[in-house]
């Protein structure tokens, strides 16, 4: 059970009128709440401060929205001055996850650093923290959990462990277990980072690991279309067009992510394992044939094994695993129908 809730933070209003932004008529909480749960790899209950964003129409049903390991609680910008949220095109007033109809709840992912004496974090821990937060905020039942990538894993864990707190699932590019080939690719990334730690070059290693990750997030078709130019001879060697793209992605990642957080959340993906037969909530699964991290065969197995009714929507896209971030217009009708 969660500890005694902290005082509710004041409502923040925004004057922004940009389409999809948080409007003055909507309520916003961007705060933290201390909750209590027992971590999967811990021996006793612990208390943790969960950092969350809860915004949308007052008294409307709550929809949890969680993304990949690099996503944070800021799924949507609070005002015109803030940087765009990580799913700004999908969440907002009048958008597919409509803040005029719902309140969206999103958290910063927990890591072992947030827990006392725990060496690893699990998708079940993220789900239990969310469930405790839902109770602490006085939300009797969540209308839906929309999860993408690692967020879909946490959503499945939430549905299996807290079935009475959830109405339905919307899962994008995420399944009940990691594919072994994807685990192999992530294990190499973690090995690069650990080598960087041991040689005093952690940030360089993290940037390189992110570059490798980008080759798994995007599809072959996109790379074929974007990086066909001839190499340029610079600084004593040939540079291929794709290198500049990857190096830029690595630098940006290091600016906003740290080594220990990456190692913990990357490992958490590969520790994920939910028995689909334990999930009774109605579910909409969305997959992409170009996704090399979560192949359609895994989503077909998940759909077949789920205890509750489930539909599988397949969208062709050149963007691979990142299609859930890039194909907002095509996802819009699916999201609206799934949440209706």
C-alpha atoms as a PDB file:
ATOM      1  CA  UNK A   1       0.000   0.000   0.000  1.00  0.00           C
ATOM      2  CA  UNK A   2       1.294   3.497  -0.732  1.00  0.00           C
ATOM      3  CA  UNK A   3       2.362   5.757   2.081  1.00  0.00           C
ATOM      4  CA  UNK A   4       0.318   8.775   3.086  1.00  0.00           C
ATOM      5  CA  UNK A   5      -0.017  11.043   0.036  1.00  0.00           C
ATOM      6  CA  UNK A   6       1.766  14.344  -0.076  1.00  0.00           C
ATOM      7  CA  UNK A   7      -0.254  17.563  -0.470  1.00  0.00           C
ATOM      8  CA  UNK A   8      -1.597  17.959  -3.986  1.00  0.00           C
ATOM      9  CA  UNK A   9       0.569  20.462  -5.890  1.00  0.00           C
ATOM     10  CA  UNK A  10      -1.043  23.555  -7.333  1.00  0.00           C
ATOM     11  CA  UNK A  11      -2.608  23.483 -10.771  1.00  0.00           C
ATOM     12  CA  UNK A  12      -0.460  25.017 -13.466  1.00  0.00           C
ATOM     13  CA  UNK A  13      -2.271  26.842 -16.264  1.00  0.00           C
ATOM     14  CA  UNK A  14      -0.741  27.553 -19.637  1.00  0.00           C
ATOM     15  CA  UNK A  15      -1.516  30.418 -22.016  1.00  0.00           C
ATOM     16  CA  UNK A  16      -0.281  28.436 -24.994  1.00  0.00           C
ATOM     17  CA  UNK A  17      -2.739  28.129 -27.877  1.00  0.00           C
ATOM     18  CA  UNK A  18      -0.609  25.984 -30.181  1.00  0.00           C
ATOM     19  CA  UNK A  19      -2.568  22.984 -31.473  1.00  0.00           C
ATOM     20  CA  UNK A  20      -2.130  20.050 -29.137  1.00  0.00           C
ATOM     21  CA  UNK A  21      -0.630  22.032 -26.287  1.00  0.00           C
ATOM     22  CA  UNK A  22      -1.985  22.172 -22.753  1.00  0.00           C
ATOM     23  CA  UNK A  23      -4.663  24.887 -22.790  1.00  0.00           C
ATOM     24  CA  UNK A  24      -5.655  27.125 -19.868  1.00  0.00           C
ATOM     25  CA  UNK A  25      -8.905  25.197 -19.388  1.00  0.00           C
ATOM     26  CA  UNK A  26      -6.934  22.014 -18.703  1.00  0.00           C
ATOM     27  CA  UNK A  27      -5.353  21.084 -15.389  1.00  0.00           C
ATOM     28  CA  UNK A  28      -1.725  20.128 -14.965  1.00  0.00           C
ATOM     29  CA  UNK A  29       0.326  18.577 -12.184  1.00  0.00           C
ATOM     30  CA  UNK A  30       4.060  18.146 -12.720  1.00  0.00           C
ATOM     31  CA  UNK A  31       5.334  16.896  -9.403  1.00  0.00           C
ATOM     32  CA  UNK A  32       6.461  13.823  -7.478  1.00  0.00           C
ATOM     33  CA  UNK A  33       4.708  11.522  -5.041  1.00  0.00           C
ATOM     34  CA  UNK A  34       6.295   9.123  -2.573  1.00  0.00           C
ATOM     35  CA  UNK A  35       4.951   5.592  -2.939  1.00  0.00           C
ATOM     36  CA  UNK A  36       5.813   2.213  -1.429  1.00  0.00           C
ATOM     37  CA  UNK A  37       6.206  -1.171  -3.120  1.00  0.00           C
ATOM     38  CA  UNK A  38       8.474  -4.226  -3.041  1.00  0.00           C
ATOM     39  CA  UNK A  39      10.916  -4.402  -5.988  1.00  0.00           C
ATOM     40  CA  UNK A  40      11.139  -7.691  -7.841  1.00  0.00           C
ATOM     41  CA  UNK A  41      14.875  -7.983  -7.155  1.00  0.00           C
ATOM     42  CA  UNK A  42      14.664  -6.569  -3.634  1.00  0.00           C
ATOM     43  CA  UNK A  43      14.064  -8.298  -0.316  1.00  0.00           C
ATOM     44  CA  UNK A  44      11.811  -5.744   1.368  1.00  0.00           C
ATOM     45  CA  UNK A  45       9.399  -2.904   0.590  1.00  0.00           C
ATOM     46  CA  UNK A  46      10.936   0.442  -0.221  1.00  0.00           C
ATOM     47  CA  UNK A  47       9.719   3.991  -0.632  1.00  0.00           C
ATOM     48  CA  UNK A  48      10.472   5.924  -3.796  1.00  0.00           C
ATOM     49  CA  UNK A  49       9.618   9.339  -5.160  1.00  0.00           C
ATOM     50  CA  UNK A  50       7.869   8.909  -8.512  1.00  0.00           C
ATOM     51  CA  UNK A  51       8.170  11.958 -10.767  1.00  0.00           C
ATOM     52  CA  UNK A  52       5.027  12.370 -12.829  1.00  0.00           C
ATOM     53  CA  UNK A  53       3.035  14.568 -15.189  1.00  0.00           C
ATOM     54  CA  UNK A  54      -0.765  14.477 -14.956  1.00  0.00           C
ATOM     55  CA  UNK A  55      -2.576  16.818 -17.299  1.00  0.00           C
ATOM     56  CA  UNK A  56      -5.806  17.131 -19.252  1.00  0.00           C
ATOM     57  CA  UNK A  57      -9.501  17.796 -18.826  1.00  0.00           C
ATOM     58  CA  UNK A  58     -10.593  18.122 -15.176  1.00  0.00           C
ATOM     59  CA  UNK A  59     -12.385  15.025 -13.842  1.00  0.00           C
ATOM     60  CA  UNK A  60     -11.837  13.186 -17.154  1.00  0.00           C
ATOM     61  CA  UNK A  61     -10.767   9.511 -17.334  1.00  0.00           C
ATOM     62  CA  UNK A  62      -7.024   9.021 -16.903  1.00  0.00           C
ATOM     63  CA  UNK A  63      -4.893   7.430 -19.629  1.00  0.00           C
ATOM     64  CA  UNK A  64      -1.347   6.328 -18.771  1.00  0.00           C
ATOM     65  CA  UNK A  65       1.109   7.032 -21.605  1.00  0.00           C
ATOM     66  CA  UNK A  66       4.655   5.628 -21.456  1.00  0.00           C
ATOM     67  CA  UNK A  67       7.354   5.456 -24.127  1.00  0.00           C
ATOM     68  CA  UNK A  68      10.749   3.874 -24.615  1.00  0.00           C
ATOM     69  CA  UNK A  69      13.643   3.961 -22.162  1.00  0.00           C
ATOM     70  CA  UNK A  70      14.737   7.405 -23.367  1.00  0.00           C
ATOM     71  CA  UNK A  71      11.246   8.891 -22.869  1.00  0.00           C
ATOM     72  CA  UNK A  72      10.432  10.862 -19.735  1.00  0.00           C
ATOM     73  CA  UNK A  73       7.281  12.137 -18.049  1.00  0.00           C
ATOM     74  CA  UNK A  74       7.069  15.110 -20.433  1.00  0.00           C
ATOM     75  CA  UNK A  75       4.995  13.388 -23.072  1.00  0.00           C
ATOM     76  CA  UNK A  76       3.594  16.802 -24.043  1.00  0.00           C
ATOM     77  CA  UNK A  77       4.895  20.345 -23.522  1.00  0.00           C
ATOM     78  CA  UNK A  78       3.209  22.333 -20.794  1.00  0.00           C
ATOM     79  CA  UNK A  79       3.502  25.676 -22.578  1.00  0.00           C
ATOM     80  CA  UNK A  80       4.886  27.413 -25.648  1.00  0.00           C
ATOM     81  CA  UNK A  81       8.228  28.115 -23.992  1.00  0.00           C
ATOM     82  CA  UNK A  82       8.977  24.482 -23.155  1.00  0.00           C
ATOM     83  CA  UNK A  83      10.672  22.006 -25.460  1.00  0.00           C
ATOM     84  CA  UNK A  84       8.188  19.719 -27.254  1.00  0.00           C
ATOM     85  CA  UNK A  85       7.215  16.566 -25.428  1.00  0.00           C
ATOM     86  CA  UNK A  86       8.467  13.256 -26.762  1.00  0.00           C
ATOM     87  CA  UNK A  87       4.998  12.434 -28.221  1.00  0.00           C
ATOM     88  CA  UNK A  88       3.854  15.992 -28.844  1.00  0.00           C
ATOM     89  CA  UNK A  89       2.167  15.119 -32.138  1.00  0.00           C
ATOM     90  CA  UNK A  90      -0.051  12.451 -30.573  1.00  0.00           C
ATOM     91  CA  UNK A  91      -0.946  13.859 -27.141  1.00  0.00           C
ATOM     92  CA  UNK A  92      -2.720  17.181 -26.728  1.00  0.00           C
ATOM     93  CA  UNK A  93      -5.974  19.035 -27.039  1.00  0.00           C
ATOM     94  CA  UNK A  94      -7.766  17.733 -30.131  1.00  0.00           C
ATOM     95  CA  UNK A  95      -5.063  15.149 -30.907  1.00  0.00           C
ATOM     96  CA  UNK A  96      -5.420  11.333 -30.920  1.00  0.00           C
ATOM     97  CA  UNK A  97      -4.825  11.115 -27.169  1.00  0.00           C
ATOM     98  CA  UNK A  98      -7.139  14.052 -26.625  1.00  0.00           C
ATOM     99  CA  UNK A  99      -6.534  16.170 -23.542  1.00  0.00           C
ATOM    100  CA  UNK A 100     -10.016  17.646 -23.979  1.00  0.00           C
ATOM    101  CA  UNK A 101     -11.403  14.158 -23.250  1.00  0.00           C
ATOM    102  CA  UNK A 102      -8.771  12.508 -21.048  1.00  0.00           C
ATOM    103  CA  UNK A 103      -6.156  13.215 -18.425  1.00  0.00           C
ATOM    104  CA  UNK A 104      -2.757  11.786 -19.325  1.00  0.00           C
ATOM    105  CA  UNK A 105      -0.478  10.390 -16.610  1.00  0.00           C
ATOM    106  CA  UNK A 106       3.179   9.717 -17.348  1.00  0.00           C
ATOM    107  CA  UNK A 107       6.216   9.077 -15.138  1.00  0.00           C
ATOM    108  CA  UNK A 108       9.983   9.215 -15.350  1.00  0.00           C
ATOM    109  CA  UNK A 109      11.233   5.641 -15.436  1.00  0.00           C
ATOM    110  CA  UNK A 110      12.692   4.399 -12.169  1.00  0.00           C
ATOM    111  CA  UNK A 111      16.229   3.008 -11.968  1.00  0.00           C
ATOM    112  CA  UNK A 112      18.080   1.135  -9.194  1.00  0.00           C
ATOM    113  CA  UNK A 113      19.424   4.515  -8.052  1.00  0.00           C
ATOM    114  CA  UNK A 114      15.871   5.362  -6.965  1.00  0.00           C
ATOM    115  CA  UNK A 115      15.583   2.212  -4.862  1.00  0.00           C
ATOM    116  CA  UNK A 116      17.382   1.277  -1.659  1.00  0.00           C
ATOM    117  CA  UNK A 117      19.864  -1.559  -2.061  1.00  0.00           C
ATOM    118  CA  UNK A 118      18.382  -2.958  -5.289  1.00  0.00           C
ATOM    119  CA  UNK A 119      20.730  -3.848  -8.131  1.00  0.00           C
ATOM    120  CA  UNK A 120      18.273  -4.161 -11.007  1.00  0.00           C
ATOM    121  CA  UNK A 121      14.946  -2.691 -12.057  1.00  0.00           C
ATOM    122  CA  UNK A 122      12.140  -4.644 -13.727  1.00  0.00           C
ATOM    123  CA  UNK A 123       9.132  -3.791 -15.848  1.00  0.00           C
ATOM    124  CA  UNK A 124       7.067  -5.121 -12.924  1.00  0.00           C
ATOM    125  CA  UNK A 125       8.659  -2.489 -10.679  1.00  0.00           C
ATOM    126  CA  UNK A 126       7.658   0.259 -13.105  1.00  0.00           C
ATOM    127  CA  UNK A 127       4.111  -1.173 -13.173  1.00  0.00           C
ATOM    128  CA  UNK A 128       3.900  -1.412  -9.378  1.00  0.00           C
ATOM    129  CA  UNK A 129       5.160   2.151  -8.989  1.00  0.00           C
ATOM    130  CA  UNK A 130       2.542   3.365 -11.444  1.00  0.00           C
ATOM    131  CA  UNK A 131      -0.202   1.413  -9.665  1.00  0.00           C
ATOM    132  CA  UNK A 132       0.842   2.883  -6.321  1.00  0.00           C
ATOM    133  CA  UNK A 133       0.885   6.362  -7.864  1.00  0.00           C
ATOM    134  CA  UNK A 134      -2.584   5.825  -9.343  1.00  0.00           C
ATOM    135  CA  UNK A 135      -3.891   4.930  -5.887  1.00  0.00           C
ATOM    136  CA  UNK A 136      -2.097   7.835  -4.222  1.00  0.00           C
ATOM    137  CA  UNK A 137      -3.615  10.275  -6.698  1.00  0.00           C
ATOM    138  CA  UNK A 138      -7.107   8.939  -5.988  1.00  0.00           C
ATOM    139  CA  UNK A 139      -7.646   7.477  -9.460  1.00  0.00           C
ATOM    140  CA  UNK A 140      -9.947   4.543  -8.959  1.00  0.00           C
ATOM    141  CA  UNK A 141      -9.461   3.019 -12.394  1.00  0.00           C
ATOM    142  CA  UNK A 142      -7.292   3.933 -15.375  1.00  0.00           C
ATOM    143  CA  UNK A 143      -9.253   4.161 -18.621  1.00  0.00           C
ATOM    144  CA  UNK A 144      -6.326   2.838 -20.696  1.00  0.00           C
ATOM    145  CA  UNK A 145      -2.578   2.286 -20.687  1.00  0.00           C
ATOM    146  CA  UNK A 146      -0.929   3.351 -23.947  1.00  0.00           C
ATOM    147  CA  UNK A 147       2.590   1.930 -24.013  1.00  0.00           C
ATOM    148  CA  UNK A 148       5.237   2.101 -26.716  1.00  0.00           C
ATOM    149  CA  UNK A 149       8.402  -0.011 -26.786  1.00  0.00           C
ATOM    150  CA  UNK A 150       9.517  -0.396 -23.129  1.00  0.00           C
ATOM    151  CA  UNK A 151       6.277   1.353 -22.194  1.00  0.00           C
ATOM    152  CA  UNK A 152       4.336  -1.520 -23.771  1.00  0.00           C
ATOM    153  CA  UNK A 153       6.279  -3.948 -21.582  1.00  0.00           C
ATOM    154  CA  UNK A 154       5.398  -1.972 -18.459  1.00  0.00           C
ATOM    155  CA  UNK A 155       1.778  -1.811 -19.640  1.00  0.00           C
ATOM    156  CA  UNK A 156       1.587  -5.604 -19.919  1.00  0.00           C
ATOM    157  CA  UNK A 157       3.113  -5.967 -16.453  1.00  0.00           C
ATOM    158  CA  UNK A 158       0.567  -3.455 -15.111  1.00  0.00           C
ATOM    159  CA  UNK A 159      -2.327  -5.369 -16.685  1.00  0.00           C
ATOM    160  CA  UNK A 160      -1.096  -8.699 -15.310  1.00  0.00           C
ATOM    161  CA  UNK A 161      -0.434  -7.439 -11.768  1.00  0.00           C
ATOM    162  CA  UNK A 162      -3.187  -4.833 -11.332  1.00  0.00           C
ATOM    163  CA  UNK A 163      -6.103  -6.001 -13.496  1.00  0.00           C
ATOM    164  CA  UNK A 164      -8.814  -4.161 -11.561  1.00  0.00           C
ATOM    165  CA  UNK A 165      -7.041  -0.818 -11.975  1.00  0.00           C
ATOM    166  CA  UNK A 166      -7.110  -0.880 -15.784  1.00  0.00           C
ATOM    167  CA  UNK A 167      -9.724  -0.637 -18.522  1.00  0.00           C
ATOM    168  CA  UNK A 168      -7.775  -1.525 -21.653  1.00  0.00           C
ATOM    169  CA  UNK A 169      -4.343  -1.753 -23.264  1.00  0.00           C
ATOM    170  CA  UNK A 170      -2.896  -0.077 -26.355  1.00  0.00           C
ATOM    171  CA  UNK A 171       0.514  -1.577 -27.135  1.00  0.00           C
ATOM    172  CA  UNK A 172       2.814  -0.200 -29.829  1.00  0.00           C
ATOM    173  CA  UNK A 173       6.003  -2.029 -30.811  1.00  0.00           C
ATOM    174  CA  UNK A 174       6.214  -4.018 -27.584  1.00  0.00           C
ATOM    175  CA  UNK A 175       5.564  -7.611 -26.574  1.00  0.00           C
ATOM    176  CA  UNK A 176       5.512  -9.967 -23.605  1.00  0.00           C
ATOM    177  CA  UNK A 177       9.208 -10.791 -23.881  1.00  0.00           C
ATOM    178  CA  UNK A 178      12.276  -9.446 -25.704  1.00  0.00           C
ATOM    179  CA  UNK A 179      13.326 -11.182 -28.893  1.00  0.00           C
ATOM    180  CA  UNK A 180      16.672 -12.997 -28.390  1.00  0.00           C
ATOM    181  CA  UNK A 181      18.283 -11.204 -31.337  1.00  0.00           C
ATOM    182  CA  UNK A 182      17.285  -7.842 -29.880  1.00  0.00           C
ATOM    183  CA  UNK A 183      18.725  -8.938 -26.534  1.00  0.00           C
ATOM    184  CA  UNK A 184      21.967  -9.823 -28.303  1.00  0.00           C
ATOM    185  CA  UNK A 185      22.147  -6.367 -29.860  1.00  0.00           C
ATOM    186  CA  UNK A 186      21.472  -4.614 -26.562  1.00  0.00           C
ATOM    187  CA  UNK A 187      24.004  -6.782 -24.735  1.00  0.00           C
ATOM    188  CA  UNK A 188      26.685  -5.601 -27.180  1.00  0.00           C
ATOM    189  CA  UNK A 189      25.655  -1.990 -26.499  1.00  0.00           C
ATOM    190  CA  UNK A 190      25.948  -2.551 -22.752  1.00  0.00           C
ATOM    191  CA  UNK A 191      29.333  -4.194 -23.284  1.00  0.00           C
ATOM    192  CA  UNK A 192      30.552  -1.121 -25.151  1.00  0.00           C
ATOM    193  CA  UNK A 193      29.439   1.134 -22.295  1.00  0.00           C
ATOM    194  CA  UNK A 194      31.058  -1.047 -19.627  1.00  0.00           C
ATOM    195  CA  UNK A 195      34.295  -1.078 -21.633  1.00  0.00           C
ATOM    196  CA  UNK A 196      34.132   2.698 -21.750  1.00  0.00           C
ATOM    197  CA  UNK A 197      33.651   2.815 -17.986  1.00  0.00           C
ATOM    198  CA  UNK A 198      36.700   0.610 -17.406  1.00  0.00           C
ATOM    199  CA  UNK A 199      38.891   2.703 -19.738  1.00  0.00           C
ATOM    200  CA  UNK A 200      37.798   6.119 -18.490  1.00  0.00           C
ATOM    201  CA  UNK A 201      35.744   6.984 -21.573  1.00  0.00           C
ATOM    202  CA  UNK A 202      32.138   6.435 -20.447  1.00  0.00           C
ATOM    203  CA  UNK A 203      30.546   9.237 -22.481  1.00  0.00           C
ATOM    204  CA  UNK A 204      32.325   8.262 -25.692  1.00  0.00           C
ATOM    205  CA  UNK A 205      31.204   4.685 -25.143  1.00  0.00           C
ATOM    206  CA  UNK A 206      27.615   5.735 -24.444  1.00  0.00           C
ATOM    207  CA  UNK A 207      27.573   7.760 -27.669  1.00  0.00           C
ATOM    208  CA  UNK A 208      28.884   4.756 -29.602  1.00  0.00           C
ATOM    209  CA  UNK A 209      26.303   2.459 -28.010  1.00  0.00           C
ATOM    210  CA  UNK A 210      23.568   4.884 -29.031  1.00  0.00           C
ATOM    211  CA  UNK A 211      24.888   4.899 -32.597  1.00  0.00           C
ATOM    212  CA  UNK A 212      24.645   1.127 -32.673  1.00  0.00           C
ATOM    213  CA  UNK A 213      21.147   1.314 -31.202  1.00  0.00           C
ATOM    214  CA  UNK A 214      20.029   3.680 -33.964  1.00  0.00           C
ATOM    215  CA  UNK A 215      20.807   0.989 -36.534  1.00  0.00           C
ATOM    216  CA  UNK A 216      18.272  -1.250 -34.770  1.00  0.00           C
ATOM    217  CA  UNK A 217      15.593   1.394 -34.234  1.00  0.00           C
ATOM    218  CA  UNK A 218      15.238   2.412 -37.875  1.00  0.00           C
ATOM    219  CA  UNK A 219      14.384   0.316 -40.929  1.00  0.00           C
ATOM    220  CA  UNK A 220      16.579  -0.732 -43.849  1.00  0.00           C
ATOM    221  CA  UNK A 221      14.336   1.114 -46.302  1.00  0.00           C
ATOM    222  CA  UNK A 222      14.857   4.450 -44.574  1.00  0.00           C
ATOM    223  CA  UNK A 223      18.642   4.043 -44.478  1.00  0.00           C
ATOM    224  CA  UNK A 224      18.655   3.028 -48.140  1.00  0.00           C
ATOM    225  CA  UNK A 225      16.681   6.131 -49.094  1.00  0.00           C
ATOM    226  CA  UNK A 226      18.555   8.674 -46.956  1.00  0.00           C
ATOM    227  CA  UNK A 227      22.210   7.683 -47.128  1.00  0.00           C
ATOM    228  CA  UNK A 228      23.022   6.938 -50.763  1.00  0.00           C
ATOM    229  CA  UNK A 229      25.498   9.775 -51.374  1.00  0.00           C
ATOM    230  CA  UNK A 230      29.161   9.052 -51.984  1.00  0.00           C
ATOM    231  CA  UNK A 231      31.608   9.261 -49.071  1.00  0.00           C
ATOM    232  CA  UNK A 232      33.619  12.439 -48.491  1.00  0.00           C
ATOM    233  CA  UNK A 233      37.330  12.498 -47.730  1.00  0.00           C
ATOM    234  CA  UNK A 234      37.779  14.551 -44.539  1.00  0.00           C
ATOM    235  CA  UNK A 235      40.413  14.655 -41.808  1.00  0.00           C
ATOM    236  CA  UNK A 236      42.543  12.037 -43.450  1.00  0.00           C
ATOM    237  CA  UNK A 237      39.852   9.420 -44.107  1.00  0.00           C
ATOM    238  CA  UNK A 238      36.609   8.756 -45.928  1.00  0.00           C
ATOM    239  CA  UNK A 239      33.397   9.679 -44.064  1.00  0.00           C
ATOM    240  CA  UNK A 240      30.186   7.982 -45.115  1.00  0.00           C
ATOM    241  CA  UNK A 241      26.928   9.988 -45.027  1.00  0.00           C
ATOM    242  CA  UNK A 242      25.376   7.703 -42.433  1.00  0.00           C
ATOM    243  CA  UNK A 243      28.270   8.361 -40.027  1.00  0.00           C
ATOM    244  CA  UNK A 244      27.375  12.024 -39.560  1.00  0.00           C
ATOM    245  CA  UNK A 245      23.791  11.042 -38.736  1.00  0.00           C
ATOM    246  CA  UNK A 246      24.878   8.433 -36.213  1.00  0.00           C
ATOM    247  CA  UNK A 247      27.473  10.675 -34.564  1.00  0.00           C
ATOM    248  CA  UNK A 248      24.889  13.426 -34.159  1.00  0.00           C
ATOM    249  CA  UNK A 249      22.464  10.952 -32.561  1.00  0.00           C
ATOM    250  CA  UNK A 250      25.188   9.795 -30.171  1.00  0.00           C
ATOM    251  CA  UNK A 251      26.081  13.336 -29.095  1.00  0.00           C
ATOM    252  CA  UNK A 252      22.453  14.271 -28.468  1.00  0.00           C
ATOM    253  CA  UNK A 253      21.903  11.155 -26.354  1.00  0.00           C
ATOM    254  CA  UNK A 254      24.905  11.835 -24.123  1.00  0.00           C
ATOM    255  CA  UNK A 255      23.608  15.374 -23.482  1.00  0.00           C
ATOM    256  CA  UNK A 256      20.449  14.062 -21.801  1.00  0.00           C
ATOM    257  CA  UNK A 257      21.251  10.544 -20.580  1.00  0.00           C
ATOM    258  CA  UNK A 258      23.798   9.071 -18.184  1.00  0.00           C
ATOM    259  CA  UNK A 259      25.640   5.788 -18.294  1.00  0.00           C
ATOM    260  CA  UNK A 260      24.101   4.098 -15.249  1.00  0.00           C
ATOM    261  CA  UNK A 261      20.564   4.961 -16.322  1.00  0.00           C
ATOM    262  CA  UNK A 262      21.192   3.525 -19.767  1.00  0.00           C
ATOM    263  CA  UNK A 263      22.674   0.295 -18.412  1.00  0.00           C
ATOM    264  CA  UNK A 264      19.809  -0.221 -15.943  1.00  0.00           C
ATOM    265  CA  UNK A 265      16.949   0.421 -18.368  1.00  0.00           C
ATOM    266  CA  UNK A 266      18.550  -1.472 -21.242  1.00  0.00           C
ATOM    267  CA  UNK A 267      18.956  -4.483 -18.931  1.00  0.00           C
ATOM    268  CA  UNK A 268      15.370  -4.053 -17.713  1.00  0.00           C
ATOM    269  CA  UNK A 269      14.113  -4.570 -21.253  1.00  0.00           C
ATOM    270  CA  UNK A 270      15.901  -7.898 -21.445  1.00  0.00           C
ATOM    271  CA  UNK A 271      14.686  -8.996 -17.997  1.00  0.00           C
ATOM    272  CA  UNK A 272      11.067  -8.443 -19.072  1.00  0.00           C
ATOM    273  CA  UNK A 273       8.855 -11.542 -19.114  1.00  0.00           C
ATOM    274  CA  UNK A 274       5.061 -11.426 -18.740  1.00  0.00           C
ATOM    275  CA  UNK A 275       2.780 -14.450 -19.174  1.00  0.00           C
ATOM    276  CA  UNK A 276       0.134 -13.281 -21.691  1.00  0.00           C
ATOM    277  CA  UNK A 277      -2.485 -15.638 -20.285  1.00  0.00           C
ATOM    278  CA  UNK A 278      -2.498 -13.517 -17.125  1.00  0.00           C
ATOM    279  CA  UNK A 279      -3.646 -10.415 -19.039  1.00  0.00           C
ATOM    280  CA  UNK A 280      -7.429 -10.147 -19.329  1.00  0.00           C
ATOM    281  CA  UNK A 281      -7.823  -6.489 -20.345  1.00  0.00           C
ATOM    282  CA  UNK A 282      -8.988  -5.845 -23.929  1.00  0.00           C
ATOM    283  CA  UNK A 283      -5.948  -4.961 -25.998  1.00  0.00           C
ATOM    284  CA  UNK A 284      -5.066  -3.268 -29.260  1.00  0.00           C
ATOM    285  CA  UNK A 285      -1.639  -4.298 -30.551  1.00  0.00           C
ATOM    286  CA  UNK A 286       0.115  -2.211 -33.203  1.00  0.00           C
ATOM    287  CA  UNK A 287       3.165  -3.501 -35.032  1.00  0.00           C
ATOM    288  CA  UNK A 288       5.376  -2.607 -37.962  1.00  0.00           C
ATOM    289  CA  UNK A 289       6.838  -5.159 -40.404  1.00  0.00           C
ATOM    290  CA  UNK A 290      10.084  -3.155 -40.642  1.00  0.00           C
ATOM    291  CA  UNK A 291      10.597  -3.351 -36.850  1.00  0.00           C
ATOM    292  CA  UNK A 292      13.646  -5.537 -36.264  1.00  0.00           C
ATOM    293  CA  UNK A 293      13.495  -5.277 -32.467  1.00  0.00           C
ATOM    294  CA  UNK A 294       9.893  -6.450 -32.034  1.00  0.00           C
ATOM    295  CA  UNK A 295       9.052  -8.721 -34.990  1.00  0.00           C
ATOM    296  CA  UNK A 296       5.433  -9.253 -35.967  1.00  0.00           C
ATOM    297  CA  UNK A 297       5.741 -12.932 -35.074  1.00  0.00           C
ATOM    298  CA  UNK A 298       6.106 -11.951 -31.401  1.00  0.00           C
ATOM    299  CA  UNK A 299       3.002  -9.761 -31.593  1.00  0.00           C
ATOM    300  CA  UNK A 300       1.064 -12.557 -33.294  1.00  0.00           C
ATOM    301  CA  UNK A 301       2.036 -14.885 -30.458  1.00  0.00           C
ATOM    302  CA  UNK A 302       1.050 -12.254 -27.898  1.00  0.00           C
ATOM    303  CA  UNK A 303      -2.342 -11.715 -29.541  1.00  0.00           C
ATOM    304  CA  UNK A 304      -2.993 -15.455 -29.642  1.00  0.00           C
ATOM    305  CA  UNK A 305      -2.079 -16.010 -25.997  1.00  0.00           C
ATOM    306  CA  UNK A 306      -3.719 -13.013 -24.321  1.00  0.00           C
ATOM    307  CA  UNK A 307      -6.586 -14.015 -22.058  1.00  0.00           C
ATOM    308  CA  UNK A 308      -8.728 -11.030 -23.056  1.00  0.00           C
ATOM    309  CA  UNK A 309      -9.910  -9.950 -26.534  1.00  0.00           C
ATOM    310  CA  UNK A 310      -7.105  -8.565 -28.666  1.00  0.00           C
ATOM    311  CA  UNK A 311      -6.732  -7.081 -32.141  1.00  0.00           C
ATOM    312  CA  UNK A 312      -3.479  -6.693 -34.064  1.00  0.00           C
ATOM    313  CA  UNK A 313      -3.062  -3.709 -36.377  1.00  0.00           C
ATOM    314  CA  UNK A 314      -0.174  -3.812 -38.847  1.00  0.00           C
ATOM    315  CA  UNK A 315       1.205  -0.608 -40.380  1.00  0.00           C
ATOM    316  CA  UNK A 316       3.750  -0.642 -43.178  1.00  0.00           C
ATOM    317  CA  UNK A 317       6.453   1.920 -42.471  1.00  0.00           C
ATOM    318  CA  UNK A 318      10.078   2.506 -43.462  1.00  0.00           C
ATOM    319  CA  UNK A 319      10.924   3.679 -39.940  1.00  0.00           C
ATOM    320  CA  UNK A 320      11.282   0.341 -38.163  1.00  0.00           C
ATOM    321  CA  UNK A 321      10.889   0.331 -34.382  1.00  0.00           C
ATOM    322  CA  UNK A 322      10.686   4.136 -34.334  1.00  0.00           C
ATOM    323  CA  UNK A 323       7.545   4.119 -36.481  1.00  0.00           C
ATOM    324  CA  UNK A 324       5.437   4.751 -33.375  1.00  0.00           C
ATOM    325  CA  UNK A 325       7.184   8.139 -33.159  1.00  0.00           C
ATOM    326  CA  UNK A 326       7.216   8.915 -36.873  1.00  0.00           C
ATOM    327  CA  UNK A 327       3.823   7.726 -38.180  1.00  0.00           C
ATOM    328  CA  UNK A 328       1.568   9.843 -35.981  1.00  0.00           C
ATOM    329  CA  UNK A 329      -0.919  10.710 -38.744  1.00  0.00           C
ATOM    330  CA  UNK A 330      -1.454   7.067 -39.655  1.00  0.00           C
ATOM    331  CA  UNK A 331      -1.620   5.987 -36.029  1.00  0.00           C
ATOM    332  CA  UNK A 332      -4.189   8.650 -35.160  1.00  0.00           C
ATOM    333  CA  UNK A 333      -7.349   6.748 -36.188  1.00  0.00           C
ATOM    334  CA  UNK A 334      -6.113   3.578 -34.493  1.00  0.00           C
ATOM    335  CA  UNK A 335      -5.409   5.415 -31.240  1.00  0.00           C
ATOM    336  CA  UNK A 336      -8.759   7.212 -31.295  1.00  0.00           C
ATOM    337  CA  UNK A 337     -10.653   3.988 -31.918  1.00  0.00           C
ATOM    338  CA  UNK A 338      -8.718   2.090 -29.254  1.00  0.00           C
ATOM    339  CA  UNK A 339      -9.434   4.756 -26.631  1.00  0.00           C
ATOM    340  CA  UNK A 340     -13.069   5.426 -27.563  1.00  0.00           C
END
